[in-house]
Amino acid sequence: MSKQSLVPQAREALDKFKMEAASEVGVNMKQGYNGDLTSKQAGSIGGQMVKKMIEAYENGMK
């Protein structure tokens, strides 16, 4: 499977979303490479992103 995005313009928005989620859970991310994050930190960021996406979807259903 390719890492190429279906919508290349979405990359910047997704990166911004990830940075916002990281700050909400107290993880210090920097622009570019973040391979020094622990699995727990990365999981916290991903979990926060999913939580926000579900909330947005549920709010859109109302």
Protein backbone atom coordinates (compact mmCIF):
# COMPACT_ATOMS: atom_id res chain seq x y z
CA MET A 1 0.00 0.00 0.00
CA SER A 2 1.28 3.44 -0.93
CA LYS A 3 1.81 6.25 1.58
CA GLN A 4 0.65 8.71 -1.10
CA SER A 5 -2.40 10.67 0.05
CA LEU A 6 -5.60 10.62 -1.96
CA VAL A 7 -5.91 14.35 -1.30
CA PRO A 8 -2.39 15.80 -1.03
CA GLN A 9 -3.75 19.17 0.12
CA ALA A 10 -5.16 17.52 3.25
CA ARG A 11 -1.67 16.82 4.65
CA GLU A 12 -1.29 20.30 6.14
CA ALA A 13 -4.74 20.17 7.78
CA LEU A 14 -4.04 16.72 9.24
CA ASP A 15 -0.69 17.86 10.61
CA LYS A 16 -2.38 20.87 12.26
CA PHE A 17 -5.08 18.58 13.69
CA LYS A 18 -2.40 16.27 15.08
CA MET A 19 -0.54 19.17 16.71
CA GLU A 20 -3.77 20.41 18.33
CA ALA A 21 -4.56 16.93 19.67
CA ALA A 22 -1.02 16.61 21.03
CA SER A 23 -1.26 19.90 22.90
CA GLU A 24 -4.64 18.89 24.35
CA VAL A 25 -3.16 15.73 25.88
CA GLY A 26 0.04 17.49 27.00
CA VAL A 27 2.48 15.93 24.54
CA ASN A 28 5.17 18.23 23.17
CA MET A 29 5.40 17.63 19.41
CA LYS A 30 7.62 19.50 17.01
CA GLN A 31 7.36 20.08 13.28
CA GLY A 32 8.94 17.28 11.27
CA TYR A 33 10.29 14.08 12.78
CA ASN A 34 8.80 12.94 16.11
CA GLY A 35 10.26 9.45 16.36
CA ASP A 36 11.39 10.13 19.90
CA LEU A 37 7.79 9.96 21.20
CA THR A 38 6.93 6.96 23.34
CA SER A 39 4.20 4.55 22.25
CA LYS A 40 2.05 5.86 25.08
CA GLN A 41 2.42 9.45 23.89
CA ALA A 42 1.70 8.56 20.26
CA GLY A 43 -1.32 6.51 21.33
CA SER A 44 -2.63 9.39 23.40
CA ILE A 45 -2.43 11.69 20.39
CA GLY A 46 -4.16 9.17 18.12
CA GLY A 47 -6.84 8.50 20.71
CA GLN A 48 -7.53 12.22 21.10
CA MET A 49 -7.79 12.60 17.32
CA VAL A 50 -10.32 9.76 17.11
CA LYS A 51 -12.30 11.20 20.01
CA LYS A 52 -12.51 14.59 18.29
CA MET A 53 -13.50 13.02 14.95
CA ILE A 54 -16.31 11.05 16.61
CA GLU A 55 -17.54 14.18 18.39
CA ALA A 56 -17.54 16.11 15.10
CA TYR A 57 -19.45 13.31 13.37
CA GLU A 58 -22.02 13.09 16.16
CA ASN A 59 -22.51 16.87 16.14
CA GLY A 60 -23.03 16.73 12.38
CA MET A 61 -25.82 14.17 12.81
CA LYS A 62 -27.91 16.52 14.95
